[in-house]
């Protein structure tokens, strides 16, 4: 469920190496919050794969985080 919604929201094509490193907490700067608490650890992956409601919420949250990273909002 989550992968289909990520694709529909256009988040898959907006991904690049820097965003993926940020998502997994593999950033160069040790002071980034994403390094201490990566975004990947905040998602219940089993629930996101099964529950459409939770998957939509996760996709919305990830879209917001991607917009913050790109400087589109915030």
PDB file of N, CA and C in Angstrom:
ATOM      1  N   UNK A   1       0.822  -1.186   0.000  1.00  0.00           N
ATOM      2  CA  UNK A   1       0.000   0.000   0.000  1.00  0.00           C
ATOM      3  C   UNK A   1       0.876   1.264   0.000  1.00  0.00           C
ATOM      4  N   UNK A   2       1.861   1.309   0.847  1.00  0.00           N
ATOM      5  CA  UNK A   2       2.687   2.505   0.995  1.00  0.00           C
ATOM      6  C   UNK A   2       3.460   2.803  -0.293  1.00  0.00           C
ATOM      7  N   UNK A   3       3.965   1.796  -0.954  1.00  0.00           N
ATOM      8  CA  UNK A   3       4.765   2.018  -2.149  1.00  0.00           C
ATOM      9  C   UNK A   3       3.917   2.553  -3.303  1.00  0.00           C
ATOM     10  N   UNK A   4       2.692   2.079  -3.417  1.00  0.00           N
ATOM     11  CA  UNK A   4       1.775   2.581  -4.436  1.00  0.00           C
ATOM     12  C   UNK A   4       1.452   4.048  -4.180  1.00  0.00           C
ATOM     13  N   UNK A   5       1.195   4.400  -2.936  1.00  0.00           N
ATOM     14  CA  UNK A   5       0.871   5.788  -2.605  1.00  0.00           C
ATOM     15  C   UNK A   5       2.078   6.712  -2.776  1.00  0.00           C
ATOM     16  N   UNK A   6       3.267   6.222  -2.467  1.00  0.00           N
ATOM     17  CA  UNK A   6       4.475   7.025  -2.694  1.00  0.00           C
ATOM     18  C   UNK A   6       4.663   7.311  -4.183  1.00  0.00           C
ATOM     19  N   UNK A   7       4.401   6.310  -5.003  1.00  0.00           N
ATOM     20  CA  UNK A   7       4.528   6.479  -6.442  1.00  0.00           C
ATOM     21  C   UNK A   7       3.480   7.448  -6.969  1.00  0.00           C
ATOM     22  N   UNK A   8       2.236   7.323  -6.506  1.00  0.00           N
ATOM     23  CA  UNK A   8       1.162   8.213  -6.947  1.00  0.00           C
ATOM     24  C   UNK A   8       1.404   9.658  -6.533  1.00  0.00           C
ATOM     25  N   UNK A   9       1.983   9.863  -5.369  1.00  0.00           N
ATOM     26  CA  UNK A   9       2.242  11.222  -4.886  1.00  0.00           C
ATOM     27  C   UNK A   9       3.439  11.864  -5.582  1.00  0.00           C
ATOM     28  N   UNK A  10       4.183  11.099  -6.343  1.00  0.00           N
ATOM     29  CA  UNK A  10       5.330  11.635  -7.057  1.00  0.00           C
ATOM     30  C   UNK A  10       6.591  11.725  -6.209  1.00  0.00           C
ATOM     31  N   UNK A  11       6.586  11.096  -5.053  1.00  0.00           N
ATOM     32  CA  UNK A  11       7.756  11.159  -4.180  1.00  0.00           C
ATOM     33  C   UNK A  11       8.893  10.285  -4.666  1.00  0.00           C
ATOM     34  N   UNK A  12       8.590   9.257  -5.423  1.00  0.00           N
ATOM     35  CA  UNK A  12       9.639   8.365  -5.911  1.00  0.00           C
ATOM     36  C   UNK A  12      10.533   9.093  -6.913  1.00  0.00           C
ATOM     37  N   UNK A  13       9.939   9.874  -7.794  1.00  0.00           N
ATOM     38  CA  UNK A  13      10.756  10.579  -8.797  1.00  0.00           C
ATOM     39  C   UNK A  13      11.476  11.790  -8.208  1.00  0.00           C
ATOM     40  N   UNK A  14      11.039  12.284  -7.063  1.00  0.00           N
ATOM     41  CA  UNK A  14      11.700  13.426  -6.417  1.00  0.00           C
ATOM     42  C   UNK A  14      12.888  13.009  -5.552  1.00  0.00           C
ATOM     43  N   UNK A  15      13.061  11.713  -5.351  1.00  0.00           N
ATOM     44  CA  UNK A  15      14.152  11.229  -4.506  1.00  0.00           C
ATOM     45  C   UNK A  15      15.496  11.368  -5.215  1.00  0.00           C
ATOM     46  N   UNK A  16      16.501  11.720  -4.447  1.00  0.00           N
ATOM     47  CA  UNK A  16      17.873  11.732  -4.937  1.00  0.00           C
ATOM     48  C   UNK A  16      18.761  11.181  -3.818  1.00  0.00           C
ATOM     49  N   UNK A  17      20.032  11.072  -4.079  1.00  0.00           N
ATOM     50  CA  UNK A  17      20.933  10.429  -3.115  1.00  0.00           C
ATOM     51  C   UNK A  17      20.982  11.186  -1.784  1.00  0.00           C
ATOM     52  N   UNK A  18      20.954  12.506  -1.842  1.00  0.00           N
ATOM     53  CA  UNK A  18      21.040  13.287  -0.607  1.00  0.00           C
ATOM     54  C   UNK A  18      19.801  13.101   0.266  1.00  0.00           C
ATOM     55  N   UNK A  19      18.627  13.059  -0.340  1.00  0.00           N
ATOM     56  CA  UNK A  19      17.388  12.848   0.418  1.00  0.00           C
ATOM     57  C   UNK A  19      17.346  11.442   1.012  1.00  0.00           C
ATOM     58  N   UNK A  20      17.822  10.477   0.272  1.00  0.00           N
ATOM     59  CA  UNK A  20      17.818   9.098   0.774  1.00  0.00           C
ATOM     60  C   UNK A  20      18.759   8.961   1.966  1.00  0.00           C
ATOM     61  N   UNK A  21      19.945   9.582   1.879  1.00  0.00           N
ATOM     62  CA  UNK A  21      20.862   9.568   3.028  1.00  0.00           C
ATOM     63  C   UNK A  21      20.232  10.258   4.234  1.00  0.00           C
ATOM     64  N   UNK A  22      19.536  11.364   4.023  1.00  0.00           N
ATOM     65  CA  UNK A  22      18.860  12.079   5.097  1.00  0.00           C
ATOM     66  C   UNK A  22      17.782  11.201   5.728  1.00  0.00           C
ATOM     67  N   UNK A  23      17.035  10.480   4.898  1.00  0.00           N
ATOM     68  CA  UNK A  23      15.958   9.606   5.369  1.00  0.00           C
ATOM     69  C   UNK A  23      16.493   8.488   6.261  1.00  0.00           C
ATOM     70  N   UNK A  24      17.639   7.938   5.892  1.00  0.00           N
ATOM     71  CA  UNK A  24      18.231   6.845   6.665  1.00  0.00           C
ATOM     72  C   UNK A  24      19.175   7.314   7.761  1.00  0.00           C
ATOM     73  N   UNK A  25      19.386   8.623   7.881  1.00  0.00           N
ATOM     74  CA  UNK A  25      20.252   9.154   8.932  1.00  0.00           C
ATOM     75  C   UNK A  25      21.725   9.050   8.636  1.00  0.00           C
ATOM     76  N   UNK A  26      22.076   8.913   7.378  1.00  0.00           N
ATOM     77  CA  UNK A  26      23.480   8.769   6.987  1.00  0.00           C
ATOM     78  C   UNK A  26      24.029  10.095   6.468  1.00  0.00           C
ATOM     79  N   UNK A  27      23.715  11.193   7.143  1.00  0.00           N
ATOM     80  CA  UNK A  27      24.175  12.514   6.717  1.00  0.00           C
ATOM     81  C   UNK A  27      25.608  12.752   7.179  1.00  0.00           C
ATOM     82  N   UNK A  28      26.236  13.732   6.568  1.00  0.00           N
ATOM     83  CA  UNK A  28      27.624  14.054   6.899  1.00  0.00           C
ATOM     84  C   UNK A  28      27.740  14.838   8.200  1.00  0.00           C
ATOM     85  N   UNK A  29      26.771  15.677   8.482  1.00  0.00           N
ATOM     86  CA  UNK A  29      26.820  16.527   9.666  1.00  0.00           C
ATOM     87  C   UNK A  29      26.266  15.770  10.873  1.00  0.00           C
ATOM     88  N   UNK A  30      27.063  15.550  11.913  1.00  0.00           N
ATOM     89  CA  UNK A  30      26.587  14.794  13.077  1.00  0.00           C
ATOM     90  C   UNK A  30      25.578  15.562  13.925  1.00  0.00           C
ATOM     91  N   UNK A  31      25.392  16.853  13.675  1.00  0.00           N
ATOM     92  CA  UNK A  31      24.453  17.644  14.462  1.00  0.00           C
ATOM     93  C   UNK A  31      23.028  17.588  13.937  1.00  0.00           C
ATOM     94  N   UNK A  32      22.832  17.055  12.744  1.00  0.00           N
ATOM     95  CA  UNK A  32      21.479  16.944  12.197  1.00  0.00           C
ATOM     96  C   UNK A  32      20.631  16.020  13.062  1.00  0.00           C
ATOM     97  N   UNK A  33      19.385  16.408  13.268  1.00  0.00           N
ATOM     98  CA  UNK A  33      18.463  15.577  14.030  1.00  0.00           C
ATOM     99  C   UNK A  33      18.219  14.251  13.316  1.00  0.00           C
ATOM    100  N   UNK A  34      18.268  14.262  11.987  1.00  0.00           N
ATOM    101  CA  UNK A  34      18.019  13.028  11.242  1.00  0.00           C
ATOM    102  C   UNK A  34      19.110  11.991  11.490  1.00  0.00           C
ATOM    103  N   UNK A  35      20.271  12.434  11.911  1.00  0.00           N
ATOM    104  CA  UNK A  35      21.335  11.471  12.201  1.00  0.00           C
ATOM    105  C   UNK A  35      21.080  10.772  13.529  1.00  0.00           C
ATOM    106  N   UNK A  36      20.586  11.511  14.502  1.00  0.00           N
ATOM    107  CA  UNK A  36      20.296  10.929  15.812  1.00  0.00           C
ATOM    108  C   UNK A  36      18.986  10.160  15.818  1.00  0.00           C
ATOM    109  N   UNK A  37      18.029  10.635  15.059  1.00  0.00           N
ATOM    110  CA  UNK A  37      16.713  10.010  15.010  1.00  0.00           C
ATOM    111  C   UNK A  37      16.234   9.999  13.557  1.00  0.00           C
ATOM    112  N   UNK A  38      16.675   9.028  12.759  1.00  0.00           N
ATOM    113  CA  UNK A  38      16.334   9.017  11.329  1.00  0.00           C
ATOM    114  C   UNK A  38      14.834   8.855  11.091  1.00  0.00           C
ATOM    115  N   UNK A  39      14.381   9.393   9.973  1.00  0.00           N
ATOM    116  CA  UNK A  39      12.965   9.329   9.626  1.00  0.00           C
ATOM    117  C   UNK A  39      12.491   7.897   9.446  1.00  0.00           C
ATOM    118  N   UNK A  40      13.362   7.039   8.965  1.00  0.00           N
ATOM    119  CA  UNK A  40      12.986   5.653   8.713  1.00  0.00           C
ATOM    120  C   UNK A  40      12.554   4.942  10.000  1.00  0.00           C
ATOM    121  N   UNK A  41      13.091   5.363  11.128  1.00  0.00           N
ATOM    122  CA  UNK A  41      12.739   4.707  12.392  1.00  0.00           C
ATOM    123  C   UNK A  41      11.404   5.176  12.940  1.00  0.00           C
ATOM    124  N   UNK A  42      10.844   6.223  12.393  1.00  0.00           N
ATOM    125  CA  UNK A  42       9.574   6.766  12.872  1.00  0.00           C
ATOM    126  C   UNK A  42       8.360   6.136  12.214  1.00  0.00           C
ATOM    127  N   UNK A  43       8.563   5.312  11.209  1.00  0.00           N
ATOM    128  CA  UNK A  43       7.455   4.724  10.453  1.00  0.00           C
ATOM    129  C   UNK A  43       7.266   3.272  10.855  1.00  0.00           C
ATOM    130  N   UNK A  44       6.030   2.908  11.132  1.00  0.00           N
ATOM    131  CA  UNK A  44       5.684   1.509  11.377  1.00  0.00           C
ATOM    132  C   UNK A  44       5.453   0.866  10.004  1.00  0.00           C
ATOM    133  N   UNK A  45       6.481   0.193   9.490  1.00  0.00           N
ATOM    134  CA  UNK A  45       6.447  -0.290   8.114  1.00  0.00           C
ATOM    135  C   UNK A  45       5.383  -1.361   7.887  1.00  0.00           C
ATOM    136  N   UNK A  46       5.184  -2.244   8.830  1.00  0.00           N
ATOM    137  CA  UNK A  46       4.152  -3.275   8.670  1.00  0.00           C
ATOM    138  C   UNK A  46       2.775  -2.628   8.593  1.00  0.00           C
ATOM    139  N   UNK A  47       2.529  -1.673   9.466  1.00  0.00           N
ATOM    140  CA  UNK A  47       1.247  -0.976   9.465  1.00  0.00           C
ATOM    141  C   UNK A  47       1.066  -0.164   8.185  1.00  0.00           C
ATOM    142  N   UNK A  48       2.140   0.438   7.680  1.00  0.00           N
ATOM    143  CA  UNK A  48       2.063   1.230   6.449  1.00  0.00           C
ATOM    144  C   UNK A  48       1.775   0.358   5.232  1.00  0.00           C
ATOM    145  N   UNK A  49       2.186  -0.880   5.277  1.00  0.00           N
ATOM    146  CA  UNK A  49       1.938  -1.787   4.153  1.00  0.00           C
ATOM    147  C   UNK A  49       0.526  -2.350   4.174  1.00  0.00           C
ATOM    148  N   UNK A  50      -0.105  -2.349   5.348  1.00  0.00           N
ATOM    149  CA  UNK A  50      -1.413  -2.981   5.487  1.00  0.00           C
ATOM    150  C   UNK A  50      -2.544  -1.961   5.568  1.00  0.00           C
ATOM    151  N   UNK A  51      -2.352  -0.886   6.290  1.00  0.00           N
ATOM    152  CA  UNK A  51      -3.421   0.077   6.560  1.00  0.00           C
ATOM    153  C   UNK A  51      -3.394   1.233   5.555  1.00  0.00           C
ATOM    154  N   UNK A  52      -4.422   1.363   4.718  1.00  0.00           N
ATOM    155  CA  UNK A  52      -4.456   2.470   3.753  1.00  0.00           C
ATOM    156  C   UNK A  52      -4.489   3.846   4.428  1.00  0.00           C
ATOM    157  N   UNK A  53      -5.187   3.955   5.524  1.00  0.00           N
ATOM    158  CA  UNK A  53      -5.284   5.238   6.231  1.00  0.00           C
ATOM    159  C   UNK A  53      -3.926   5.675   6.777  1.00  0.00           C
ATOM    160  N   UNK A  54      -3.229   4.759   7.404  1.00  0.00           N
ATOM    161  CA  UNK A  54      -1.902   5.069   7.936  1.00  0.00           C
ATOM    162  C   UNK A  54      -0.913   5.351   6.807  1.00  0.00           C
ATOM    163  N   UNK A  55      -1.016   4.594   5.724  1.00  0.00           N
ATOM    164  CA  UNK A  55      -0.124   4.797   4.580  1.00  0.00           C
ATOM    165  C   UNK A  55      -0.324   6.180   3.976  1.00  0.00           C
ATOM    166  N   UNK A  56      -1.582   6.642   3.859  1.00  0.00           N
ATOM    167  CA  UNK A  56      -1.841   7.989   3.352  1.00  0.00           C
ATOM    168  C   UNK A  56      -1.249   9.047   4.273  1.00  0.00           C
ATOM    169  N   UNK A  57      -1.351   8.836   5.574  1.00  0.00           N
ATOM    170  CA  UNK A  57      -0.784   9.780   6.534  1.00  0.00           C
ATOM    171  C   UNK A  57       0.741   9.819   6.433  1.00  0.00           C
ATOM    172  N   UNK A  58       1.363   8.677   6.273  1.00  0.00           N
ATOM    173  CA  UNK A  58       2.824   8.608   6.141  1.00  0.00           C
ATOM    174  C   UNK A  58       3.274   9.304   4.858  1.00  0.00           C
ATOM    175  N   UNK A  59       2.557   9.081   3.759  1.00  0.00           N
ATOM    176  CA  UNK A  59       2.908   9.721   2.493  1.00  0.00           C
ATOM    177  C   UNK A  59       2.765  11.235   2.605  1.00  0.00           C
ATOM    178  N   UNK A  60       1.719  11.698   3.259  1.00  0.00           N
ATOM    179  CA  UNK A  60       1.557  13.137   3.475  1.00  0.00           C
ATOM    180  C   UNK A  60       2.685  13.716   4.299  1.00  0.00           C
ATOM    181  N   UNK A  61       3.083  13.001   5.333  1.00  0.00           N
ATOM    182  CA  UNK A  61       4.186  13.442   6.189  1.00  0.00           C
ATOM    183  C   UNK A  61       5.513  13.455   5.426  1.00  0.00           C
ATOM    184  N   UNK A  62       5.760  12.415   4.647  1.00  0.00           N
ATOM    185  CA  UNK A  62       6.991  12.367   3.855  1.00  0.00           C
ATOM    186  C   UNK A  62       7.007  13.437   2.767  1.00  0.00           C
ATOM    187  N   UNK A  63       5.849  13.736   2.169  1.00  0.00           N
ATOM    188  CA  UNK A  63       5.779  14.808   1.172  1.00  0.00           C
ATOM    189  C   UNK A  63       6.093  16.149   1.833  1.00  0.00           C
ATOM    190  N   UNK A  64       5.572  16.371   3.022  1.00  0.00           N
ATOM    191  CA  UNK A  64       5.865  17.598   3.759  1.00  0.00           C
ATOM    192  C   UNK A  64       7.355  17.698   4.074  1.00  0.00           C
ATOM    193  N   UNK A  65       7.953  16.598   4.522  1.00  0.00           N
ATOM    194  CA  UNK A  65       9.392  16.600   4.836  1.00  0.00           C
ATOM    195  C   UNK A  65      10.231  16.836   3.584  1.00  0.00           C
ATOM    196  N   UNK A  66       9.815  16.270   2.448  1.00  0.00           N
ATOM    197  CA  UNK A  66      10.545  16.492   1.199  1.00  0.00           C
ATOM    198  C   UNK A  66      10.429  17.950   0.777  1.00  0.00           C
ATOM    199  N   UNK A  67       9.275  18.561   0.966  1.00  0.00           N
ATOM    200  CA  UNK A  67       9.097  19.983   0.643  1.00  0.00           C
ATOM    201  C   UNK A  67       9.955  20.845   1.548  1.00  0.00           C
ATOM    202  N   UNK A  68      10.058  20.490   2.822  1.00  0.00           N
ATOM    203  CA  UNK A  68      10.936  21.220   3.731  1.00  0.00           C
ATOM    204  C   UNK A  68      12.399  21.101   3.284  1.00  0.00           C
ATOM    205  N   UNK A  69      12.790  19.916   2.895  1.00  0.00           N
ATOM    206  CA  UNK A  69      14.166  19.683   2.454  1.00  0.00           C
ATOM    207  C   UNK A  69      14.480  20.495   1.198  1.00  0.00           C
ATOM    208  N   UNK A  70      13.508  20.584   0.276  1.00  0.00           N
ATOM    209  CA  UNK A  70      13.696  21.323  -0.973  1.00  0.00           C
ATOM    210  C   UNK A  70      13.544  22.822  -0.795  1.00  0.00           C
ATOM    211  N   UNK A  71      13.021  23.268   0.336  1.00  0.00           N
ATOM    212  CA  UNK A  71      12.826  24.692   0.582  1.00  0.00           C
ATOM    213  C   UNK A  71      11.539  25.238   0.010  1.00  0.00           C
ATOM    214  N   UNK A  72      10.580  24.384  -0.283  1.00  0.00           N
ATOM    215  CA  UNK A  72       9.300  24.818  -0.847  1.00  0.00           C
ATOM    216  C   UNK A  72       8.352  25.348   0.211  1.00  0.00           C
ATOM    217  N   UNK A  73       8.493  24.915   1.450  1.00  0.00           N
ATOM    218  CA  UNK A  73       7.645  25.405   2.530  1.00  0.00           C
ATOM    219  C   UNK A  73       8.455  25.435   3.822  1.00  0.00           C
ATOM    220  N   UNK A  74       7.883  26.027   4.823  1.00  0.00           N
ATOM    221  CA  UNK A  74       8.558  26.018   6.103  1.00  0.00           C
ATOM    222  C   UNK A  74       9.007  27.330   6.492  1.00  0.00           C
TER     223      UNK A  74
END
